[in-house]
Amino acid sequence: MRRTNVTRQNGFTLVELMVVVAILSILSAVAIVNINARQSYDHMQKETMNFMSLVNEARNAAINSRTRVMFQFSPTSMEWCVTNCVVTGQPRSITHRLWKVRIMQYAREAVINGIAPTTLMAMPNDYRHFYIEPDGTLIGFPTDTAPVGVTLYFQHETDTSQKYRVAVLPLLGKAKIINKW
């Protein structure tokens, strides 16, 4: 009996393989762009949440110790100290270093939606501070007669479209995140 030559086609042709590789490379390029955008958003979320946590921690320390707590911040770090950060031996937080996010400017008032700050200050390289009173309210300086809030303006180092404003309300001492400036 004679065998007929039947050609079997198993696998892909070279053209089909090249098309699949091209499609996968385009999809992976799109995925990388989306991952980088998501990372800058995550950095902003993380650092603003760290600021809010430190403010809450400082407020709790002020209420529990019944003393004034100083919260100091620079463009790249922040910490709180009982009474004063210059005095050694006082209870204090761990200095938190901001990663890929900077504090660009601040206002000595709680700037919420629809209200423009009276004075917006550029952030110098040294520390700026505010105080949390033993009752949990927030004052700017010890000479202030009434509670004033503070607002910090955070911006991502590489993705400058990522901007958050965090206002700390004066009477409550609670922080509130507002997207964008």
N, C-alpha and C. Protein backbone atom coordinates (compact mmCIF):
# COMPACT_ATOMS: atom_id res chain seq x y z
N MET A 1 0.83 -1.15 0.00
CA MET A 1 0.00 0.00 0.00
C MET A 1 0.89 1.24 0.00
N ARG A 2 0.43 2.16 -0.75
CA ARG A 2 1.22 3.36 -0.88
C ARG A 2 0.82 4.42 0.13
N ARG A 3 1.80 5.04 0.58
CA ARG A 3 1.53 6.16 1.51
C ARG A 3 1.42 7.47 0.74
N THR A 4 0.43 8.22 1.09
CA THR A 4 0.32 9.54 0.46
C THR A 4 1.10 10.54 1.31
N ASN A 5 1.65 11.46 0.65
CA ASN A 5 2.39 12.50 1.39
C ASN A 5 1.43 13.53 1.95
N VAL A 6 1.18 13.41 3.21
CA VAL A 6 0.32 14.36 3.90
C VAL A 6 1.23 15.26 4.72
N THR A 7 1.15 16.52 4.43
CA THR A 7 1.97 17.45 5.22
C THR A 7 1.14 17.95 6.39
N ARG A 8 1.69 17.78 7.53
CA ARG A 8 1.02 18.24 8.73
C ARG A 8 1.60 19.59 9.13
N GLN A 9 0.73 20.47 9.53
CA GLN A 9 1.20 21.79 9.95
C GLN A 9 1.00 21.93 11.45
N ASN A 10 2.06 21.78 12.14
CA ASN A 10 2.06 21.96 13.59
C ASN A 10 2.87 23.21 13.90
N GLY A 11 2.41 24.03 14.84
CA GLY A 11 3.16 25.21 15.24
C GLY A 11 2.75 26.44 14.44
N PHE A 12 3.56 27.47 14.57
CA PHE A 12 3.27 28.74 13.93
C PHE A 12 4.25 29.01 12.81
N THR A 13 3.82 29.82 11.90
CA THR A 13 4.75 30.26 10.86
C THR A 13 5.56 31.41 11.43
N LEU A 14 6.58 31.79 10.78
CA LEU A 14 7.44 32.87 11.24
C LEU A 14 6.69 34.20 11.28
N VAL A 15 5.83 34.45 10.35
CA VAL A 15 5.06 35.70 10.32
C VAL A 15 4.10 35.76 11.50
N GLU A 16 3.43 34.67 11.80
CA GLU A 16 2.51 34.64 12.93
C GLU A 16 3.27 34.88 14.24
N LEU A 17 4.41 34.29 14.37
CA LEU A 17 5.23 34.47 15.56
C LEU A 17 5.68 35.92 15.71
N MET A 18 6.08 36.55 14.63
CA MET A 18 6.52 37.95 14.68
C MET A 18 5.35 38.88 15.06
N VAL A 19 4.15 38.60 14.59
CA VAL A 19 2.99 39.42 14.93
C VAL A 19 2.69 39.30 16.42
N VAL A 20 2.75 38.10 16.95
CA VAL A 20 2.50 37.90 18.38
C VAL A 20 3.54 38.62 19.22
N VAL A 21 4.81 38.55 18.84
CA VAL A 21 5.88 39.23 19.58
C VAL A 21 5.69 40.74 19.53
N ALA A 22 5.29 41.27 18.38
CA ALA A 22 5.07 42.71 18.25
C ALA A 22 3.92 43.16 19.15
N ILE A 23 2.85 42.42 19.18
CA ILE A 23 1.70 42.77 20.02
C ILE A 23 2.08 42.73 21.50
N LEU A 24 2.81 41.72 21.91
CA LEU A 24 3.24 41.62 23.31
C LEU A 24 4.17 42.76 23.70
N SER A 25 5.05 43.17 22.80
CA SER A 25 5.96 44.27 23.13
C SER A 25 5.21 45.59 23.28
N ILE A 26 4.19 45.82 22.45
CA ILE A 26 3.39 47.04 22.58
C ILE A 26 2.62 47.03 23.91
N LEU A 27 2.04 45.91 24.26
CA LEU A 27 1.30 45.82 25.52
C LEU A 27 2.21 46.02 26.73
N SER A 28 3.42 45.48 26.67
CA SER A 28 4.33 45.65 27.80
C SER A 28 4.80 47.10 27.92
N ALA A 29 4.98 47.80 26.80
CA ALA A 29 5.37 49.22 26.86
C ALA A 29 4.27 50.06 27.50
N VAL A 30 3.03 49.79 27.17
CA VAL A 30 1.91 50.50 27.77
C VAL A 30 1.84 50.20 29.26
N ALA A 31 2.07 48.97 29.64
CA ALA A 31 2.01 48.59 31.05
C ALA A 31 3.09 49.30 31.86
N ILE A 32 4.30 49.45 31.31
CA ILE A 32 5.38 50.12 32.03
C ILE A 32 5.04 51.58 32.28
N VAL A 33 4.47 52.26 31.29
CA VAL A 33 4.07 53.65 31.46
C VAL A 33 3.02 53.78 32.56
N ASN A 34 2.05 52.88 32.57
CA ASN A 34 1.01 52.94 33.59
C ASN A 34 1.55 52.63 34.98
N ILE A 35 2.50 51.73 35.09
CA ILE A 35 3.09 51.40 36.39
C ILE A 35 3.84 52.59 36.94
N ASN A 36 4.60 53.31 36.10
CA ASN A 36 5.35 54.48 36.57
C ASN A 36 4.41 55.58 37.04
N ALA A 37 3.31 55.79 36.33
CA ALA A 37 2.34 56.80 36.76
C ALA A 37 1.71 56.39 38.09
N ARG A 38 1.43 55.15 38.26
CA ARG A 38 0.84 54.65 39.50
C ARG A 38 1.81 54.78 40.67
N GLN A 39 3.11 54.58 40.41
CA GLN A 39 4.09 54.69 41.48
C GLN A 39 4.17 56.11 42.03
N SER A 40 4.13 57.12 41.17
CA SER A 40 4.19 58.49 41.68
C SER A 40 2.95 58.82 42.51
N TYR A 41 1.80 58.31 42.09
CA TYR A 41 0.57 58.49 42.86
C TYR A 41 0.70 57.80 44.22
N ASP A 42 1.25 56.58 44.24
CA ASP A 42 1.43 55.85 45.50
C ASP A 42 2.41 56.56 46.42
N HIS A 43 3.48 57.14 45.88
CA HIS A 43 4.43 57.89 46.72
C HIS A 43 3.73 59.07 47.39
N MET A 44 2.93 59.80 46.62
CA MET A 44 2.21 60.94 47.18
C MET A 44 1.25 60.50 48.27
N GLN A 45 0.50 59.46 48.02
CA GLN A 45 -0.45 58.96 49.02
C GLN A 45 0.28 58.55 50.29
N LYS A 46 1.37 57.82 50.13
CA LYS A 46 2.11 57.31 51.28
C LYS A 46 2.67 58.46 52.12
N GLU A 47 3.29 59.44 51.49
CA GLU A 47 3.93 60.51 52.25
C GLU A 47 2.91 61.44 52.90
N THR A 48 1.80 61.72 52.22
CA THR A 48 0.79 62.56 52.87
C THR A 48 0.12 61.81 54.03
N MET A 49 -0.06 60.51 53.88
CA MET A 49 -0.61 59.71 54.99
C MET A 49 0.38 59.65 56.16
N ASN A 50 1.68 59.59 55.86
CA ASN A 50 2.69 59.62 56.93
C ASN A 50 2.63 60.95 57.68
N PHE A 51 2.45 62.05 56.95
CA PHE A 51 2.31 63.35 57.60
C PHE A 51 1.08 63.36 58.51
N MET A 52 -0.03 62.88 58.00
CA MET A 52 -1.25 62.85 58.81
C MET A 52 -1.07 61.98 60.05
N SER A 53 -0.38 60.85 59.90
CA SER A 53 -0.14 59.97 61.04
C SER A 53 0.74 60.65 62.08
N LEU A 54 1.78 61.35 61.62
CA LEU A 54 2.66 62.05 62.56
C LEU A 54 1.91 63.16 63.29
N VAL A 55 1.03 63.88 62.59
CA VAL A 55 0.24 64.93 63.24
C VAL A 55 -0.68 64.31 64.30
N ASN A 56 -1.32 63.21 63.97
CA ASN A 56 -2.19 62.53 64.95
C ASN A 56 -1.38 62.03 66.14
N GLU A 57 -0.20 61.48 65.86
CA GLU A 57 0.67 61.00 66.93
C GLU A 57 1.10 62.16 67.83
N ALA A 58 1.46 63.29 67.23
CA ALA A 58 1.87 64.47 68.01
C ALA A 58 0.70 65.01 68.84
N ARG A 59 -0.49 65.02 68.26
CA ARG A 59 -1.68 65.47 68.98
C ARG A 59 -1.96 64.57 70.18
N ASN A 60 -1.86 63.26 69.97
CA ASN A 60 -2.05 62.33 71.08
C ASN A 60 -1.00 62.52 72.16
N ALA A 61 0.25 62.77 71.77
CA ALA A 61 1.31 63.01 72.76
C ALA A 61 1.03 64.28 73.55
N ALA A 62 0.53 65.32 72.88
CA ALA A 62 0.22 66.57 73.58
C ALA A 62 -0.90 66.37 74.59
N ILE A 63 -1.94 65.65 74.19
CA ILE A 63 -3.08 65.43 75.08
C ILE A 63 -2.69 64.53 76.24
N ASN A 64 -1.95 63.45 75.96
CA ASN A 64 -1.57 62.50 77.01
C ASN A 64 -0.56 63.08 77.99
N SER A 65 0.41 63.85 77.51
CA SER A 65 1.43 64.40 78.41
C SER A 65 1.01 65.74 79.01
N ARG A 66 -0.08 66.31 78.50
CA ARG A 66 -0.59 67.61 78.95
C ARG A 66 0.46 68.71 78.83
N THR A 67 1.24 68.63 77.75
CA THR A 67 2.24 69.67 77.45
C THR A 67 2.18 70.00 75.96
N ARG A 68 2.74 71.14 75.63
CA ARG A 68 2.79 71.58 74.24
C ARG A 68 3.77 70.71 73.45
N VAL A 69 3.40 70.36 72.22
CA VAL A 69 4.25 69.56 71.34
C VAL A 69 4.60 70.41 70.12
N MET A 70 5.88 70.38 69.78
CA MET A 70 6.37 71.10 68.60
C MET A 70 6.45 70.13 67.43
N PHE A 71 5.87 70.51 66.31
CA PHE A 71 5.96 69.71 65.08
C PHE A 71 6.80 70.51 64.11
N GLN A 72 7.93 69.93 63.69
CA GLN A 72 8.79 70.66 62.76
C GLN A 72 8.90 69.90 61.44
N PHE A 73 9.05 70.66 60.37
CA PHE A 73 9.13 70.08 59.03
C PHE A 73 10.07 70.89 58.17
N SER A 74 10.69 70.21 57.23
CA SER A 74 11.55 70.83 56.21
C SER A 74 11.07 70.31 54.86
N PRO A 75 11.68 70.71 53.76
CA PRO A 75 11.22 70.18 52.46
C PRO A 75 11.33 68.66 52.34
N THR A 76 12.23 68.04 53.13
CA THR A 76 12.48 66.61 52.95
C THR A 76 12.26 65.77 54.20
N SER A 77 11.88 66.36 55.34
CA SER A 77 11.70 65.55 56.55
C SER A 77 10.72 66.23 57.51
N MET A 78 10.28 65.45 58.51
CA MET A 78 9.37 65.98 59.53
C MET A 78 9.49 65.14 60.80
N GLU A 79 9.20 65.77 61.95
CA GLU A 79 9.21 65.09 63.24
C GLU A 79 8.47 65.94 64.25
N TRP A 80 8.13 65.35 65.40
CA TRP A 80 7.54 66.11 66.49
C TRP A 80 8.33 65.86 67.75
N CYS A 81 8.29 66.83 68.67
CA CYS A 81 9.01 66.74 69.94
C CYS A 81 8.15 67.35 71.04
N VAL A 82 8.18 66.77 72.22
CA VAL A 82 7.47 67.34 73.35
C VAL A 82 8.20 68.61 73.77
N THR A 83 7.49 69.66 73.96
CA THR A 83 7.95 70.99 74.33
C THR A 83 8.72 71.67 73.20
N ASN A 84 9.96 71.21 72.90
CA ASN A 84 10.77 71.89 71.91
C ASN A 84 11.78 70.90 71.31
N CYS A 85 12.00 70.96 70.01
CA CYS A 85 12.93 70.03 69.35
C CYS A 85 14.39 70.41 69.54
N VAL A 86 14.65 71.63 70.02
CA VAL A 86 16.03 72.04 70.26
C VAL A 86 16.55 71.43 71.55
N VAL A 87 15.67 71.24 72.53
CA VAL A 87 16.05 70.68 73.82
C VAL A 87 16.27 69.18 73.68
N THR A 88 17.41 68.70 74.12
CA THR A 88 17.68 67.26 74.07
C THR A 88 17.06 66.58 75.28
N GLY A 89 16.80 65.30 75.14
CA GLY A 89 16.27 64.52 76.25
C GLY A 89 14.75 64.53 76.32
N GLN A 90 14.10 65.29 75.48
CA GLN A 90 12.64 65.33 75.47
C GLN A 90 12.12 64.19 74.60
N PRO A 91 10.95 63.63 74.94
CA PRO A 91 10.37 62.61 74.06
C PRO A 91 10.13 63.18 72.66
N ARG A 92 10.43 62.37 71.66
CA ARG A 92 10.25 62.81 70.28
C ARG A 92 9.95 61.64 69.38
N SER A 93 9.47 61.96 68.20
CA SER A 93 9.20 60.92 67.21
C SER A 93 10.47 60.59 66.45
N ILE A 94 10.39 59.56 65.66
CA ILE A 94 11.48 59.27 64.72
C ILE A 94 11.38 60.28 63.60
N THR A 95 12.50 60.82 63.15
CA THR A 95 12.49 61.76 62.03
C THR A 95 12.10 61.01 60.77
N HIS A 96 11.03 61.45 60.16
CA HIS A 96 10.56 60.81 58.93
C HIS A 96 11.13 61.55 57.73
N ARG A 97 11.87 60.85 56.89
CA ARG A 97 12.42 61.42 55.65
C ARG A 97 11.46 61.17 54.51
N LEU A 98 11.09 62.21 53.81
CA LEU A 98 10.22 62.08 52.65
C LEU A 98 10.98 61.43 51.50
N TRP A 99 10.32 60.56 50.75
CA TRP A 99 10.95 59.84 49.65
C TRP A 99 10.25 60.19 48.35
N LYS A 100 10.97 60.84 47.44
CA LYS A 100 10.48 61.24 46.12
C LYS A 100 9.36 62.27 46.19
N VAL A 101 9.15 62.85 47.34
CA VAL A 101 8.12 63.87 47.54
C VAL A 101 8.76 64.99 48.35
N ARG A 102 8.39 66.23 48.04
CA ARG A 102 8.91 67.37 48.77
C ARG A 102 7.76 68.26 49.24
N ILE A 103 8.01 68.95 50.35
CA ILE A 103 7.08 69.99 50.79
C ILE A 103 7.54 71.26 50.09
N MET A 104 6.72 71.79 49.22
CA MET A 104 7.12 72.92 48.39
C MET A 104 6.83 74.27 49.04
N GLN A 105 5.70 74.38 49.71
CA GLN A 105 5.32 75.64 50.35
C GLN A 105 4.34 75.35 51.48
N TYR A 106 4.05 76.38 52.27
CA TYR A 106 3.12 76.20 53.38
C TYR A 106 2.39 77.51 53.66
N ALA A 107 1.29 77.39 54.36
CA ALA A 107 0.52 78.55 54.80
C ALA A 107 0.25 78.39 56.28
N ARG A 108 0.29 79.49 57.02
CA ARG A 108 0.04 79.43 58.46
C ARG A 108 -1.45 79.55 58.75
N GLU A 109 -2.24 78.78 58.01
CA GLU A 109 -3.68 78.71 58.22
C GLU A 109 -4.18 77.46 57.53
N ALA A 110 -5.34 76.99 57.93
CA ALA A 110 -5.93 75.81 57.29
C ALA A 110 -6.64 76.26 56.01
N VAL A 111 -6.06 75.90 54.87
CA VAL A 111 -6.63 76.30 53.58
C VAL A 111 -7.46 75.13 53.06
N ILE A 112 -8.78 75.32 53.08
CA ILE A 112 -9.67 74.27 52.59
C ILE A 112 -10.25 74.70 51.25
N ASN A 113 -11.09 73.89 50.64
CA ASN A 113 -11.62 74.17 49.30
C ASN A 113 -12.33 75.51 49.24
N GLY A 114 -12.05 76.25 48.16
CA GLY A 114 -12.74 77.50 47.93
C GLY A 114 -12.19 78.69 48.68
N ILE A 115 -11.19 78.50 49.51
CA ILE A 115 -10.61 79.60 50.28
C ILE A 115 -9.14 79.73 49.90
N ALA A 116 -8.75 80.90 49.47
CA ALA A 116 -7.35 81.14 49.11
C ALA A 116 -6.57 81.55 50.37
N PRO A 117 -5.31 81.12 50.48
CA PRO A 117 -4.52 81.51 51.66
C PRO A 117 -4.19 83.00 51.62
N THR A 118 -4.12 83.63 52.79
CA THR A 118 -3.72 85.04 52.83
C THR A 118 -2.25 85.18 52.49
N THR A 119 -1.41 84.31 53.03
CA THR A 119 0.01 84.35 52.74
C THR A 119 0.50 82.93 52.49
N LEU A 120 1.09 82.72 51.34
CA LEU A 120 1.65 81.42 50.97
C LEU A 120 3.17 81.57 50.99
N MET A 121 3.85 80.79 51.81
CA MET A 121 5.29 80.94 51.98
C MET A 121 6.05 79.83 51.29
N ALA A 122 7.14 80.22 50.63
CA ALA A 122 8.02 79.22 50.00
C ALA A 122 8.76 78.48 51.10
N MET A 123 9.07 77.24 50.84
CA MET A 123 9.72 76.40 51.84
C MET A 123 11.23 76.58 51.77
N PRO A 124 11.85 77.13 52.82
CA PRO A 124 13.32 77.21 52.83
C PRO A 124 13.91 75.84 53.16
N ASN A 125 15.22 75.73 53.14
CA ASN A 125 15.86 74.44 53.40
C ASN A 125 15.89 74.06 54.87
N ASP A 126 15.75 75.02 55.76
CA ASP A 126 15.77 74.68 57.18
C ASP A 126 14.36 74.35 57.67
N TYR A 127 14.25 74.10 58.97
CA TYR A 127 12.97 73.66 59.53
C TYR A 127 12.01 74.81 59.78
N ARG A 128 10.74 74.54 59.62
CA ARG A 128 9.64 75.39 60.04
C ARG A 128 8.83 74.56 61.04
N HIS A 129 8.03 75.22 61.85
CA HIS A 129 7.33 74.45 62.88
C HIS A 129 5.97 75.07 63.22
N PHE A 130 5.18 74.28 63.89
CA PHE A 130 3.94 74.74 64.52
C PHE A 130 3.80 73.95 65.82
N TYR A 131 2.88 74.37 66.67
CA TYR A 131 2.71 73.75 67.99
C TYR A 131 1.31 73.19 68.14
N ILE A 132 1.23 72.10 68.89
CA ILE A 132 -0.05 71.50 69.25
C ILE A 132 -0.18 71.66 70.78
N GLU A 133 -1.25 72.30 71.18
CA GLU A 133 -1.49 72.59 72.59
C GLU A 133 -1.95 71.35 73.34
N PRO A 134 -1.89 71.35 74.68
CA PRO A 134 -2.34 70.19 75.47
C PRO A 134 -3.81 69.82 75.28
N ASP A 135 -4.63 70.77 74.82
CA ASP A 135 -6.04 70.44 74.56
C ASP A 135 -6.27 69.91 73.14
N GLY A 136 -5.20 69.78 72.34
CA GLY A 136 -5.30 69.22 71.00
C GLY A 136 -5.48 70.24 69.90
N THR A 137 -5.60 71.54 70.26
CA THR A 137 -5.71 72.57 69.23
C THR A 137 -4.33 72.89 68.67
N LEU A 138 -4.32 73.57 67.55
CA LEU A 138 -3.07 73.85 66.86
C LEU A 138 -2.81 75.34 66.80
N ILE A 139 -1.61 75.75 67.20
CA ILE A 139 -1.23 77.16 67.07
C ILE A 139 0.03 77.21 66.21
N GLY A 140 0.25 78.36 65.57
CA GLY A 140 1.43 78.51 64.73
C GLY A 140 2.68 78.74 65.56
N PHE A 141 2.64 79.75 66.42
CA PHE A 141 3.76 80.10 67.27
C PHE A 141 3.26 80.32 68.70
N PRO A 142 4.13 80.23 69.70
CA PRO A 142 3.66 80.44 71.08
C PRO A 142 3.05 81.82 71.31
N THR A 143 3.38 82.80 70.46
CA THR A 143 2.83 84.15 70.62
C THR A 143 1.43 84.29 70.03
N ASP A 144 0.95 83.29 69.29
CA ASP A 144 -0.40 83.36 68.72
C ASP A 144 -1.44 83.32 69.84
N THR A 145 -2.45 84.17 69.73
CA THR A 145 -3.47 84.23 70.78
C THR A 145 -4.66 83.32 70.49
N ALA A 146 -4.84 82.96 69.24
CA ALA A 146 -5.96 82.08 68.87
C ALA A 146 -5.42 80.91 68.06
N PRO A 147 -6.14 79.78 68.08
CA PRO A 147 -5.69 78.64 67.27
C PRO A 147 -5.68 78.98 65.77
N VAL A 148 -4.60 78.61 65.12
CA VAL A 148 -4.49 78.76 63.66
C VAL A 148 -4.08 77.42 63.10
N GLY A 149 -4.55 77.10 61.96
CA GLY A 149 -4.15 75.85 61.32
C GLY A 149 -2.87 76.04 60.52
N VAL A 150 -2.53 75.01 59.83
CA VAL A 150 -1.38 75.06 58.93
C VAL A 150 -1.73 74.22 57.71
N THR A 151 -1.20 74.59 56.56
CA THR A 151 -1.41 73.84 55.33
C THR A 151 -0.07 73.61 54.66
N LEU A 152 0.22 72.35 54.36
CA LEU A 152 1.46 72.01 53.66
C LEU A 152 1.12 71.60 52.23
N TYR A 153 1.96 72.01 51.30
CA TYR A 153 1.76 71.72 49.88
C TYR A 153 2.84 70.73 49.44
N PHE A 154 2.42 69.49 49.18
CA PHE A 154 3.32 68.42 48.77
C PHE A 154 3.34 68.30 47.24
N GLN A 155 4.52 67.98 46.70
CA GLN A 155 4.63 67.76 45.25
C GLN A 155 5.64 66.64 45.00
N HIS A 156 5.35 65.80 44.02
CA HIS A 156 6.25 64.71 43.65
C HIS A 156 7.47 65.30 42.95
N GLU A 157 8.66 64.72 43.20
CA GLU A 157 9.89 65.26 42.62
C GLU A 157 9.95 65.14 41.11
N THR A 158 9.51 64.02 40.55
CA THR A 158 9.64 63.82 39.10
C THR A 158 8.33 64.05 38.36
N ASP A 159 7.22 63.67 38.93
CA ASP A 159 5.92 63.87 38.30
C ASP A 159 5.27 65.09 38.94
N THR A 160 5.55 66.26 38.39
CA THR A 160 5.09 67.50 39.04
C THR A 160 3.59 67.71 38.93
N SER A 161 2.89 66.85 38.19
CA SER A 161 1.43 66.96 38.16
C SER A 161 0.81 66.37 39.44
N GLN A 162 1.58 65.59 40.18
CA GLN A 162 1.11 65.02 41.45
C GLN A 162 1.32 66.05 42.56
N LYS A 163 0.24 66.72 42.96
CA LYS A 163 0.31 67.76 43.99
C LYS A 163 -0.82 67.55 44.98
N TYR A 164 -0.47 67.55 46.27
CA TYR A 164 -1.49 67.42 47.32
C TYR A 164 -1.34 68.59 48.28
N ARG A 165 -2.46 69.03 48.79
CA ARG A 165 -2.49 70.05 49.83
C ARG A 165 -3.06 69.38 51.06
N VAL A 166 -2.37 69.48 52.19
CA VAL A 166 -2.85 68.88 53.43
C VAL A 166 -3.05 70.00 54.45
N ALA A 167 -4.30 70.19 54.83
CA ALA A 167 -4.65 71.23 55.80
C ALA A 167 -4.86 70.58 57.17
N VAL A 168 -4.26 71.19 58.18
CA VAL A 168 -4.47 70.74 59.56
C VAL A 168 -5.41 71.76 60.22
N LEU A 169 -6.58 71.29 60.59
CA LEU A 169 -7.62 72.18 61.14
C LEU A 169 -7.23 72.64 62.54
N PRO A 170 -7.39 73.92 62.85
CA PRO A 170 -6.86 74.46 64.10
C PRO A 170 -7.52 73.95 65.38
N LEU A 171 -8.84 73.88 65.41
CA LEU A 171 -9.51 73.49 66.64
C LEU A 171 -9.50 71.99 66.87
N LEU A 172 -9.53 71.22 65.79
CA LEU A 172 -9.53 69.77 65.91
C LEU A 172 -8.13 69.18 65.90
N GLY A 173 -7.18 69.86 65.26
CA GLY A 173 -5.84 69.31 65.12
C GLY A 173 -5.79 68.12 64.18
N LYS A 174 -6.80 67.96 63.35
CA LYS A 174 -6.88 66.84 62.41
C LYS A 174 -6.47 67.31 61.02
N ALA A 175 -5.79 66.44 60.29
CA ALA A 175 -5.34 66.77 58.94
C ALA A 175 -6.34 66.29 57.91
N LYS A 176 -6.44 67.06 56.82
CA LYS A 176 -7.35 66.72 55.73
C LYS A 176 -6.61 66.87 54.40
N ILE A 177 -6.65 65.81 53.56
CA ILE A 177 -5.98 65.83 52.26
C ILE A 177 -6.91 66.43 51.21
N ILE A 178 -6.37 67.35 50.43
CA ILE A 178 -7.11 67.93 49.32
C ILE A 178 -6.25 67.72 48.07
N ASN A 179 -6.78 67.00 47.08
CA ASN A 179 -6.02 66.74 45.86
C ASN A 179 -5.80 68.04 45.10
N LYS A 180 -4.64 68.12 44.53
CA LYS A 180 -4.23 69.28 43.73
C LYS A 180 -4.11 70.51 44.61
N TRP A 181 -3.54 71.56 44.01
CA TRP A 181 -3.44 72.83 44.73
C TRP A 181 -4.52 73.69 44.22
